[in-house]
Amino acid sequence: MKYTLLLFFAFSLHSFAQVRLPTNEVGQVQYQELVKLPDSKRPARQIMEQTQAWSEQHFSDVPTTEQQHDQQNNILFIKSSYPINSQTVRYTLTIEAKFGRYRATITDLIAEGDGLTLPVQASSSTANEINRSAGGATASKTLVEQTAKQQADLYRQIDKSCRDTLASLKQTLTGK
């Protein structure tokens, strides 16, 4: 019984735990990966050609995806979105190629749904923070806790989606 209670407590803490996303030096949510390729002599132009082929395949089922390629500087800008539950999370993916390496950066994450558009913050709100921001005027503690849990779940899914996107690109370019 004692172990069951401890296990339940551990799972309930996880479900209400604040989710922190990676940030840049000014505190904005940012996923970034600098990858040195196994073929260190691969030209940036070839890396960009492979990146564009990856992006055409990876984003083929997202009709709202926009891509811009700066050929002179070997940079690909992609604006796309993740459908997560009843929400859409929009983001910008920037891929910069150099001789034998590339840097991929996901920024500008914005969650849209139920008529609301909000930037994704560095961490999900706790029930206390939600209650405080409402001036303590919320009618139901259960509703506040449910909202905090839903936001934490959304942030976990955002984190997974961003990491999966970067991993897919890395696998394509490195073969690992």
N, C-alpha and C. Protein backbone atom coordinates (compact mmCIF):
# COMPACT_ATOMS: atom_id res chain seq x y z
N MET A 1 0.84 -1.19 0.00
CA MET A 1 0.00 0.00 0.00
C MET A 1 0.88 1.25 0.00
N LYS A 2 1.92 1.21 0.81
CA LYS A 2 2.81 2.35 0.92
C LYS A 2 3.47 2.66 -0.43
N TYR A 3 3.90 1.61 -1.15
CA TYR A 3 4.54 1.81 -2.46
C TYR A 3 3.54 2.30 -3.50
N THR A 4 2.31 1.82 -3.42
CA THR A 4 1.28 2.27 -4.35
C THR A 4 1.01 3.76 -4.17
N LEU A 5 0.97 4.20 -2.93
CA LEU A 5 0.74 5.61 -2.64
C LEU A 5 1.91 6.46 -3.16
N LEU A 6 3.13 5.99 -2.96
CA LEU A 6 4.31 6.72 -3.47
C LEU A 6 4.30 6.78 -4.99
N LEU A 7 3.94 5.68 -5.63
CA LEU A 7 3.89 5.63 -7.09
C LEU A 7 2.81 6.59 -7.61
N PHE A 8 1.65 6.59 -6.99
CA PHE A 8 0.58 7.51 -7.38
C PHE A 8 1.04 8.96 -7.22
N PHE A 9 1.71 9.26 -6.13
CA PHE A 9 2.20 10.61 -5.87
C PHE A 9 3.21 11.03 -6.93
N ALA A 10 4.10 10.13 -7.31
CA ALA A 10 5.10 10.44 -8.34
C ALA A 10 4.45 10.73 -9.68
N PHE A 11 3.44 9.95 -10.06
CA PHE A 11 2.75 10.18 -11.33
C PHE A 11 1.92 11.46 -11.29
N SER A 12 1.31 11.77 -10.16
CA SER A 12 0.51 12.99 -10.09
C SER A 12 1.41 14.22 -10.12
N LEU A 13 2.59 14.15 -9.55
CA LEU A 13 3.54 15.26 -9.64
C LEU A 13 3.97 15.48 -11.07
N HIS A 14 4.21 14.39 -11.80
CA HIS A 14 4.63 14.51 -13.19
C HIS A 14 3.55 15.16 -14.04
N SER A 15 2.31 14.80 -13.79
CA SER A 15 1.23 15.35 -14.61
C SER A 15 1.00 16.83 -14.33
N PHE A 16 1.38 17.32 -13.14
CA PHE A 16 1.20 18.73 -12.83
C PHE A 16 2.52 19.49 -12.84
N ALA A 17 3.60 18.81 -13.20
CA ALA A 17 4.91 19.46 -13.21
C ALA A 17 4.98 20.49 -14.32
N GLN A 18 5.69 21.55 -14.03
CA GLN A 18 5.89 22.59 -15.02
C GLN A 18 6.85 22.05 -16.09
N VAL A 19 6.53 22.29 -17.35
CA VAL A 19 7.36 21.83 -18.45
C VAL A 19 8.20 23.01 -18.93
N ARG A 20 9.52 22.82 -18.97
CA ARG A 20 10.43 23.86 -19.42
C ARG A 20 10.95 23.50 -20.81
N LEU A 21 10.92 24.48 -21.70
CA LEU A 21 11.42 24.31 -23.05
C LEU A 21 12.76 25.02 -23.18
N PRO A 22 13.60 24.59 -24.12
CA PRO A 22 14.91 25.24 -24.26
C PRO A 22 14.75 26.68 -24.75
N THR A 23 15.64 27.55 -24.30
CA THR A 23 15.58 28.97 -24.66
C THR A 23 16.92 29.47 -25.16
N ASN A 24 16.88 30.61 -25.83
CA ASN A 24 18.12 31.27 -26.24
C ASN A 24 18.57 32.23 -25.14
N GLU A 25 19.59 33.04 -25.44
CA GLU A 25 20.16 33.92 -24.42
C GLU A 25 19.21 35.01 -23.94
N VAL A 26 18.18 35.34 -24.70
CA VAL A 26 17.22 36.35 -24.26
C VAL A 26 15.93 35.74 -23.70
N GLY A 27 15.90 34.43 -23.53
CA GLY A 27 14.77 33.77 -22.90
C GLY A 27 13.64 33.34 -23.82
N GLN A 28 13.81 33.46 -25.13
CA GLN A 28 12.78 33.01 -26.07
C GLN A 28 12.96 31.53 -26.34
N VAL A 29 11.86 30.81 -26.54
CA VAL A 29 11.92 29.39 -26.83
C VAL A 29 12.68 29.19 -28.14
N GLN A 30 13.68 28.32 -28.08
CA GLN A 30 14.49 28.05 -29.27
C GLN A 30 15.09 26.66 -29.17
N TYR A 31 14.92 25.90 -30.23
CA TYR A 31 15.57 24.60 -30.37
C TYR A 31 16.67 24.81 -31.40
N GLN A 32 17.88 24.42 -31.05
CA GLN A 32 18.97 24.62 -32.00
C GLN A 32 19.93 23.45 -31.94
N GLU A 33 20.40 23.08 -33.13
CA GLU A 33 21.32 21.96 -33.23
C GLU A 33 22.38 22.30 -34.28
N LEU A 34 23.63 22.20 -33.89
CA LEU A 34 24.75 22.37 -34.81
C LEU A 34 25.32 20.98 -35.04
N VAL A 35 25.32 20.55 -36.31
CA VAL A 35 25.72 19.18 -36.62
C VAL A 35 26.89 19.19 -37.59
N LYS A 36 27.97 18.52 -37.18
CA LYS A 36 29.10 18.29 -38.07
C LYS A 36 28.83 16.99 -38.80
N LEU A 37 28.88 17.03 -40.11
CA LEU A 37 28.55 15.86 -40.91
C LEU A 37 29.74 14.90 -41.00
N PRO A 38 29.47 13.59 -41.14
CA PRO A 38 30.55 12.62 -41.26
C PRO A 38 31.46 12.92 -42.45
N ASP A 39 30.87 13.45 -43.51
CA ASP A 39 31.63 13.85 -44.69
C ASP A 39 31.99 15.32 -44.51
N SER A 40 33.09 15.61 -43.84
CA SER A 40 33.45 16.98 -43.48
C SER A 40 33.79 17.86 -44.68
N LYS A 41 33.92 17.26 -45.85
CA LYS A 41 34.24 18.04 -47.05
C LYS A 41 33.02 18.28 -47.94
N ARG A 42 31.83 17.91 -47.44
CA ARG A 42 30.61 18.10 -48.23
C ARG A 42 30.34 19.60 -48.39
N PRO A 43 30.21 20.07 -49.62
CA PRO A 43 29.97 21.50 -49.85
C PRO A 43 28.61 21.94 -49.33
N ALA A 44 28.53 23.20 -48.94
CA ALA A 44 27.28 23.76 -48.41
C ALA A 44 26.15 23.65 -49.43
N ARG A 45 26.46 23.84 -50.69
CA ARG A 45 25.41 23.76 -51.71
C ARG A 45 24.80 22.36 -51.77
N GLN A 46 25.62 21.33 -51.62
CA GLN A 46 25.11 19.95 -51.62
C GLN A 46 24.27 19.70 -50.37
N ILE A 47 24.69 20.24 -49.24
CA ILE A 47 23.92 20.10 -48.01
C ILE A 47 22.55 20.76 -48.19
N MET A 48 22.51 21.93 -48.83
CA MET A 48 21.25 22.62 -49.06
C MET A 48 20.35 21.84 -50.02
N GLU A 49 20.92 21.22 -51.03
CA GLU A 49 20.12 20.41 -51.96
C GLU A 49 19.47 19.25 -51.21
N GLN A 50 20.24 18.59 -50.33
CA GLN A 50 19.69 17.49 -49.54
C GLN A 50 18.65 18.00 -48.54
N THR A 51 18.90 19.18 -47.99
CA THR A 51 17.96 19.77 -47.03
C THR A 51 16.65 20.12 -47.72
N GLN A 52 16.72 20.67 -48.92
CA GLN A 52 15.50 21.00 -49.65
C GLN A 52 14.71 19.74 -50.01
N ALA A 53 15.41 18.67 -50.40
CA ALA A 53 14.72 17.41 -50.69
C ALA A 53 14.04 16.88 -49.43
N TRP A 54 14.75 16.97 -48.29
CA TRP A 54 14.16 16.55 -47.02
C TRP A 54 12.92 17.37 -46.71
N SER A 55 13.02 18.69 -46.86
CA SER A 55 11.89 19.56 -46.50
C SER A 55 10.68 19.31 -47.39
N GLU A 56 10.91 19.07 -48.68
CA GLU A 56 9.78 18.79 -49.57
C GLU A 56 9.06 17.51 -49.14
N GLN A 57 9.82 16.51 -48.73
CA GLN A 57 9.22 15.25 -48.28
C GLN A 57 8.62 15.39 -46.88
N HIS A 58 9.36 16.04 -45.96
CA HIS A 58 8.94 16.14 -44.56
C HIS A 58 7.68 16.99 -44.40
N PHE A 59 7.55 18.03 -45.19
CA PHE A 59 6.42 18.95 -45.05
C PHE A 59 5.36 18.76 -46.13
N SER A 60 5.41 17.66 -46.85
CA SER A 60 4.46 17.43 -47.95
C SER A 60 3.01 17.38 -47.49
N ASP A 61 2.76 16.96 -46.25
CA ASP A 61 1.38 16.86 -45.76
C ASP A 61 0.93 18.11 -45.00
N VAL A 62 1.74 19.18 -45.02
CA VAL A 62 1.37 20.43 -44.35
C VAL A 62 1.22 21.50 -45.44
N PRO A 63 0.00 21.67 -45.94
CA PRO A 63 -0.19 22.56 -47.10
C PRO A 63 0.13 24.03 -46.84
N THR A 64 0.16 24.45 -45.59
CA THR A 64 0.41 25.86 -45.28
C THR A 64 1.90 26.18 -45.14
N THR A 65 2.76 25.19 -45.35
CA THR A 65 4.20 25.42 -45.20
C THR A 65 4.72 26.36 -46.28
N GLU A 66 5.51 27.33 -45.84
CA GLU A 66 6.15 28.27 -46.76
C GLU A 66 7.66 28.08 -46.65
N GLN A 67 8.34 28.11 -47.81
CA GLN A 67 9.79 27.95 -47.81
C GLN A 67 10.42 29.06 -48.64
N GLN A 68 11.54 29.57 -48.14
CA GLN A 68 12.34 30.53 -48.88
C GLN A 68 13.79 30.09 -48.79
N HIS A 69 14.47 30.11 -49.92
CA HIS A 69 15.86 29.67 -49.98
C HIS A 69 16.74 30.85 -50.35
N ASP A 70 17.70 31.15 -49.51
CA ASP A 70 18.71 32.16 -49.79
C ASP A 70 19.92 31.42 -50.34
N GLN A 71 20.01 31.33 -51.66
CA GLN A 71 21.07 30.54 -52.29
C GLN A 71 22.45 31.14 -52.06
N GLN A 72 22.53 32.45 -52.01
CA GLN A 72 23.82 33.10 -51.83
C GLN A 72 24.45 32.76 -50.49
N ASN A 73 23.63 32.67 -49.46
CA ASN A 73 24.14 32.40 -48.11
C ASN A 73 23.86 30.97 -47.63
N ASN A 74 23.28 30.14 -48.49
CA ASN A 74 22.95 28.74 -48.15
C ASN A 74 22.10 28.64 -46.87
N ILE A 75 20.98 29.35 -46.91
CA ILE A 75 20.05 29.34 -45.79
C ILE A 75 18.66 28.99 -46.32
N LEU A 76 17.98 28.09 -45.63
CA LEU A 76 16.61 27.73 -45.97
C LEU A 76 15.72 28.14 -44.80
N PHE A 77 14.70 28.96 -45.09
CA PHE A 77 13.72 29.40 -44.09
C PHE A 77 12.43 28.64 -44.36
N ILE A 78 11.90 28.01 -43.31
CA ILE A 78 10.66 27.25 -43.43
C ILE A 78 9.70 27.72 -42.35
N LYS A 79 8.49 28.11 -42.75
CA LYS A 79 7.43 28.43 -41.81
C LYS A 79 6.39 27.33 -41.94
N SER A 80 6.13 26.66 -40.84
CA SER A 80 5.20 25.54 -40.89
C SER A 80 4.44 25.46 -39.58
N SER A 81 3.76 24.35 -39.36
CA SER A 81 2.98 24.18 -38.13
C SER A 81 2.86 22.71 -37.76
N TYR A 82 2.60 22.49 -36.48
CA TYR A 82 2.30 21.16 -35.95
C TYR A 82 0.84 21.17 -35.51
N PRO A 83 0.03 20.22 -35.97
CA PRO A 83 -1.31 20.09 -35.38
C PRO A 83 -1.18 19.29 -34.09
N ILE A 84 -1.59 19.88 -32.99
CA ILE A 84 -1.51 19.20 -31.69
C ILE A 84 -2.87 19.31 -31.03
N ASN A 85 -3.52 18.16 -30.91
CA ASN A 85 -4.90 18.09 -30.39
C ASN A 85 -5.77 19.06 -31.18
N SER A 86 -6.44 19.98 -30.52
CA SER A 86 -7.31 20.92 -31.22
C SER A 86 -6.60 22.23 -31.53
N GLN A 87 -5.28 22.24 -31.35
CA GLN A 87 -4.51 23.46 -31.56
C GLN A 87 -3.54 23.30 -32.72
N THR A 88 -3.04 24.43 -33.17
CA THR A 88 -2.00 24.46 -34.17
C THR A 88 -0.84 25.25 -33.58
N VAL A 89 0.37 24.71 -33.70
CA VAL A 89 1.55 25.41 -33.22
C VAL A 89 2.38 25.79 -34.44
N ARG A 90 2.47 27.08 -34.69
CA ARG A 90 3.24 27.59 -35.82
C ARG A 90 4.68 27.86 -35.37
N TYR A 91 5.61 27.71 -36.30
CA TYR A 91 7.02 27.91 -35.97
C TYR A 91 7.82 28.24 -37.22
N THR A 92 9.04 28.70 -37.01
CA THR A 92 9.98 28.95 -38.10
C THR A 92 11.19 28.05 -37.89
N LEU A 93 11.58 27.35 -38.95
CA LEU A 93 12.77 26.51 -38.95
C LEU A 93 13.76 27.15 -39.92
N THR A 94 14.94 27.46 -39.42
CA THR A 94 16.00 28.05 -40.24
C THR A 94 17.15 27.05 -40.30
N ILE A 95 17.57 26.71 -41.52
CA ILE A 95 18.68 25.77 -41.71
C ILE A 95 19.78 26.50 -42.46
N GLU A 96 20.95 26.55 -41.82
CA GLU A 96 22.10 27.23 -42.40
C GLU A 96 23.19 26.20 -42.67
N ALA A 97 23.65 26.14 -43.90
CA ALA A 97 24.68 25.16 -44.28
C ALA A 97 26.03 25.84 -44.46
N LYS A 98 27.05 25.19 -43.97
CA LYS A 98 28.45 25.58 -44.17
C LYS A 98 29.18 24.33 -44.63
N PHE A 99 30.41 24.49 -45.00
CA PHE A 99 31.23 23.40 -45.47
C PHE A 99 31.31 22.29 -44.41
N GLY A 100 30.66 21.14 -44.65
CA GLY A 100 30.73 19.99 -43.76
C GLY A 100 29.87 20.04 -42.52
N ARG A 101 29.00 21.05 -42.41
CA ARG A 101 28.14 21.15 -41.21
C ARG A 101 26.91 21.99 -41.52
N TYR A 102 25.95 21.93 -40.61
CA TYR A 102 24.76 22.77 -40.72
C TYR A 102 24.26 23.11 -39.32
N ARG A 103 23.48 24.17 -39.27
CA ARG A 103 22.82 24.55 -38.02
C ARG A 103 21.33 24.67 -38.31
N ALA A 104 20.52 24.00 -37.50
CA ALA A 104 19.06 24.06 -37.63
C ALA A 104 18.50 24.70 -36.36
N THR A 105 17.61 25.67 -36.54
CA THR A 105 17.06 26.42 -35.42
C THR A 105 15.55 26.55 -35.58
N ILE A 106 14.83 26.15 -34.55
CA ILE A 106 13.37 26.31 -34.52
C ILE A 106 13.06 27.44 -33.54
N THR A 107 12.34 28.47 -34.04
CA THR A 107 11.99 29.63 -33.23
C THR A 107 10.56 30.07 -33.53
N ASP A 108 10.16 31.16 -32.91
CA ASP A 108 8.88 31.82 -33.18
C ASP A 108 7.69 30.88 -33.02
N LEU A 109 7.68 30.09 -31.96
CA LEU A 109 6.58 29.16 -31.72
C LEU A 109 5.35 29.92 -31.20
N ILE A 110 4.23 29.71 -31.88
CA ILE A 110 2.97 30.36 -31.52
C ILE A 110 1.87 29.31 -31.51
N ALA A 111 1.14 29.22 -30.40
CA ALA A 111 0.03 28.28 -30.27
C ALA A 111 -1.28 28.99 -30.63
N GLU A 112 -2.08 28.35 -31.48
CA GLU A 112 -3.37 28.89 -31.90
C GLU A 112 -4.45 27.84 -31.66
N GLY A 113 -5.56 28.29 -31.14
CA GLY A 113 -6.68 27.38 -30.94
C GLY A 113 -7.76 28.03 -30.12
N ASP A 114 -8.99 27.64 -30.37
CA ASP A 114 -10.14 28.17 -29.65
C ASP A 114 -10.20 29.70 -29.71
N GLY A 115 -9.78 30.27 -30.84
CA GLY A 115 -9.83 31.71 -31.01
C GLY A 115 -8.70 32.48 -30.35
N LEU A 116 -7.75 31.78 -29.74
CA LEU A 116 -6.63 32.43 -29.07
C LEU A 116 -5.34 32.19 -29.84
N THR A 117 -4.47 33.18 -29.86
CA THR A 117 -3.14 33.06 -30.44
C THR A 117 -2.16 33.57 -29.40
N LEU A 118 -1.30 32.68 -28.92
CA LEU A 118 -0.35 33.04 -27.87
C LEU A 118 1.04 32.52 -28.18
N PRO A 119 2.07 33.32 -27.91
CA PRO A 119 3.43 32.81 -28.08
C PRO A 119 3.70 31.72 -27.05
N VAL A 120 4.45 30.71 -27.45
CA VAL A 120 4.81 29.64 -26.53
C VAL A 120 5.89 30.20 -25.60
N GLN A 121 5.66 30.07 -24.32
CA GLN A 121 6.58 30.60 -23.31
C GLN A 121 7.66 29.57 -22.98
N ALA A 122 8.66 29.99 -22.23
CA ALA A 122 9.76 29.11 -21.86
C ALA A 122 9.31 27.96 -20.97
N SER A 123 8.24 28.15 -20.22
CA SER A 123 7.73 27.06 -19.38
C SER A 123 6.22 27.17 -19.27
N SER A 124 5.61 26.02 -19.07
CA SER A 124 4.15 26.00 -18.91
C SER A 124 3.80 26.59 -17.55
N SER A 125 2.60 27.08 -17.45
CA SER A 125 2.14 27.72 -16.21
C SER A 125 1.71 26.66 -15.20
N THR A 126 1.95 26.96 -13.94
CA THR A 126 1.43 26.10 -12.87
C THR A 126 0.02 26.56 -12.54
N ALA A 127 -0.68 25.75 -11.78
CA ALA A 127 -2.04 26.11 -11.36
C ALA A 127 -2.01 27.40 -10.54
N ASN A 128 -1.00 27.56 -9.69
CA ASN A 128 -0.90 28.78 -8.88
C ASN A 128 -0.68 30.01 -9.76
N GLU A 129 0.15 29.89 -10.80
CA GLU A 129 0.40 31.02 -11.70
C GLU A 129 -0.86 31.39 -12.47
N ILE A 130 -1.60 30.39 -12.92
CA ILE A 130 -2.85 30.66 -13.64
C ILE A 130 -3.84 31.36 -12.73
N ASN A 131 -3.96 30.88 -11.51
CA ASN A 131 -4.88 31.48 -10.54
C ASN A 131 -4.45 32.91 -10.22
N ARG A 132 -3.15 33.14 -10.05
CA ARG A 132 -2.62 34.47 -9.76
C ARG A 132 -2.89 35.43 -10.93
N SER A 133 -2.67 34.96 -12.18
CA SER A 133 -2.88 35.83 -13.34
C SER A 133 -4.36 36.18 -13.52
N ALA A 134 -5.24 35.34 -13.01
CA ALA A 134 -6.68 35.61 -13.07
C ALA A 134 -7.10 36.47 -11.88
N GLY A 135 -6.15 36.88 -11.06
CA GLY A 135 -6.47 37.70 -9.89
C GLY A 135 -7.21 36.93 -8.82
N GLY A 136 -7.06 35.61 -8.84
CA GLY A 136 -7.75 34.78 -7.86
C GLY A 136 -9.25 34.69 -8.08
N ALA A 137 -9.70 35.15 -9.25
CA ALA A 137 -11.14 35.22 -9.51
C ALA A 137 -11.69 33.98 -10.18
N THR A 138 -10.89 32.93 -10.31
CA THR A 138 -11.39 31.72 -10.96
C THR A 138 -12.38 31.01 -10.06
N ALA A 139 -13.39 30.45 -10.67
CA ALA A 139 -14.48 29.84 -9.92
C ALA A 139 -14.11 28.46 -9.37
N SER A 140 -13.25 27.75 -10.07
CA SER A 140 -13.03 26.36 -9.70
C SER A 140 -11.54 26.01 -9.67
N LYS A 141 -11.11 25.48 -8.55
CA LYS A 141 -9.73 25.03 -8.43
C LYS A 141 -9.48 23.88 -9.40
N THR A 142 -10.47 23.04 -9.59
CA THR A 142 -10.35 21.91 -10.53
C THR A 142 -10.14 22.41 -11.95
N LEU A 143 -10.85 23.44 -12.34
CA LEU A 143 -10.70 24.01 -13.68
C LEU A 143 -9.30 24.57 -13.87
N VAL A 144 -8.76 25.25 -12.87
CA VAL A 144 -7.41 25.81 -12.95
C VAL A 144 -6.38 24.68 -13.06
N GLU A 145 -6.54 23.63 -12.27
CA GLU A 145 -5.62 22.50 -12.33
C GLU A 145 -5.72 21.79 -13.68
N GLN A 146 -6.91 21.66 -14.21
CA GLN A 146 -7.10 21.03 -15.52
C GLN A 146 -6.43 21.87 -16.62
N THR A 147 -6.56 23.18 -16.54
CA THR A 147 -5.93 24.07 -17.52
C THR A 147 -4.41 23.95 -17.45
N ALA A 148 -3.86 23.92 -16.25
CA ALA A 148 -2.40 23.78 -16.09
C ALA A 148 -1.93 22.44 -16.64
N LYS A 149 -2.70 21.39 -16.41
CA LYS A 149 -2.34 20.06 -16.93
C LYS A 149 -2.39 20.04 -18.45
N GLN A 150 -3.42 20.65 -19.03
CA GLN A 150 -3.54 20.70 -20.49
C GLN A 150 -2.38 21.48 -21.11
N GLN A 151 -2.00 22.58 -20.48
CA GLN A 151 -0.89 23.36 -21.01
C GLN A 151 0.42 22.57 -20.89
N ALA A 152 0.63 21.88 -19.78
CA ALA A 152 1.83 21.06 -19.62
C ALA A 152 1.87 19.95 -20.68
N ASP A 153 0.73 19.33 -20.94
CA ASP A 153 0.66 18.29 -21.98
C ASP A 153 0.98 18.88 -23.36
N LEU A 154 0.43 20.06 -23.65
CA LEU A 154 0.72 20.73 -24.91
C LEU A 154 2.21 21.01 -25.04
N TYR A 155 2.84 21.51 -23.99
CA TYR A 155 4.26 21.82 -24.02
C TYR A 155 5.10 20.56 -24.21
N ARG A 156 4.69 19.46 -23.60
CA ARG A 156 5.40 18.19 -23.81
C ARG A 156 5.33 17.77 -25.27
N GLN A 157 4.15 17.92 -25.87
CA GLN A 157 3.98 17.55 -27.28
C GLN A 157 4.75 18.50 -28.20
N ILE A 158 4.79 19.78 -27.88
CA ILE A 158 5.59 20.73 -28.65
C ILE A 158 7.05 20.33 -28.59
N ASP A 159 7.53 20.02 -27.40
CA ASP A 159 8.93 19.61 -27.23
C ASP A 159 9.24 18.37 -28.06
N LYS A 160 8.36 17.40 -28.01
CA LYS A 160 8.58 16.17 -28.79
C LYS A 160 8.57 16.45 -30.29
N SER A 161 7.62 17.25 -30.76
CA SER A 161 7.52 17.56 -32.18
C SER A 161 8.77 18.30 -32.69
N CYS A 162 9.23 19.27 -31.93
CA CYS A 162 10.43 20.02 -32.34
C CYS A 162 11.65 19.11 -32.37
N ARG A 163 11.82 18.30 -31.34
CA ARG A 163 12.96 17.39 -31.30
C ARG A 163 12.89 16.35 -32.43
N ASP A 164 11.68 15.87 -32.73
CA ASP A 164 11.51 14.91 -33.82
C ASP A 164 11.87 15.52 -35.17
N THR A 165 11.50 16.78 -35.39
CA THR A 165 11.83 17.46 -36.64
C THR A 165 13.34 17.57 -36.81
N LEU A 166 14.03 18.01 -35.76
CA LEU A 166 15.49 18.13 -35.83
C LEU A 166 16.15 16.77 -36.01
N ALA A 167 15.63 15.74 -35.36
CA ALA A 167 16.19 14.40 -35.49
C ALA A 167 15.99 13.85 -36.90
N SER A 168 14.85 14.13 -37.51
CA SER A 168 14.59 13.67 -38.87
C SER A 168 15.57 14.31 -39.85
N LEU A 169 15.80 15.60 -39.71
CA LEU A 169 16.77 16.29 -40.57
C LEU A 169 18.17 15.71 -40.37
N LYS A 170 18.54 15.51 -39.13
CA LYS A 170 19.87 14.97 -38.82
C LYS A 170 20.04 13.57 -39.41
N GLN A 171 19.03 12.73 -39.28
CA GLN A 171 19.11 11.38 -39.82
C GLN A 171 19.27 11.42 -41.33
N THR A 172 18.55 12.32 -41.99
CA THR A 172 18.63 12.43 -43.45
C THR A 172 20.04 12.86 -43.89
N LEU A 173 20.62 13.82 -43.19
CA LEU A 173 21.91 14.37 -43.61
C LEU A 173 23.12 13.57 -43.13
N THR A 174 22.96 12.83 -42.05
CA THR A 174 24.09 12.07 -41.52
C THR A 174 23.95 10.58 -41.76
N GLY A 175 22.74 10.10 -42.00
CA GLY A 175 22.51 8.67 -42.14
C GLY A 175 22.48 7.94 -40.81
N LYS A 176 22.44 8.70 -39.71
CA LYS A 176 22.41 8.11 -38.35
C LYS A 176 21.12 8.39 -37.67
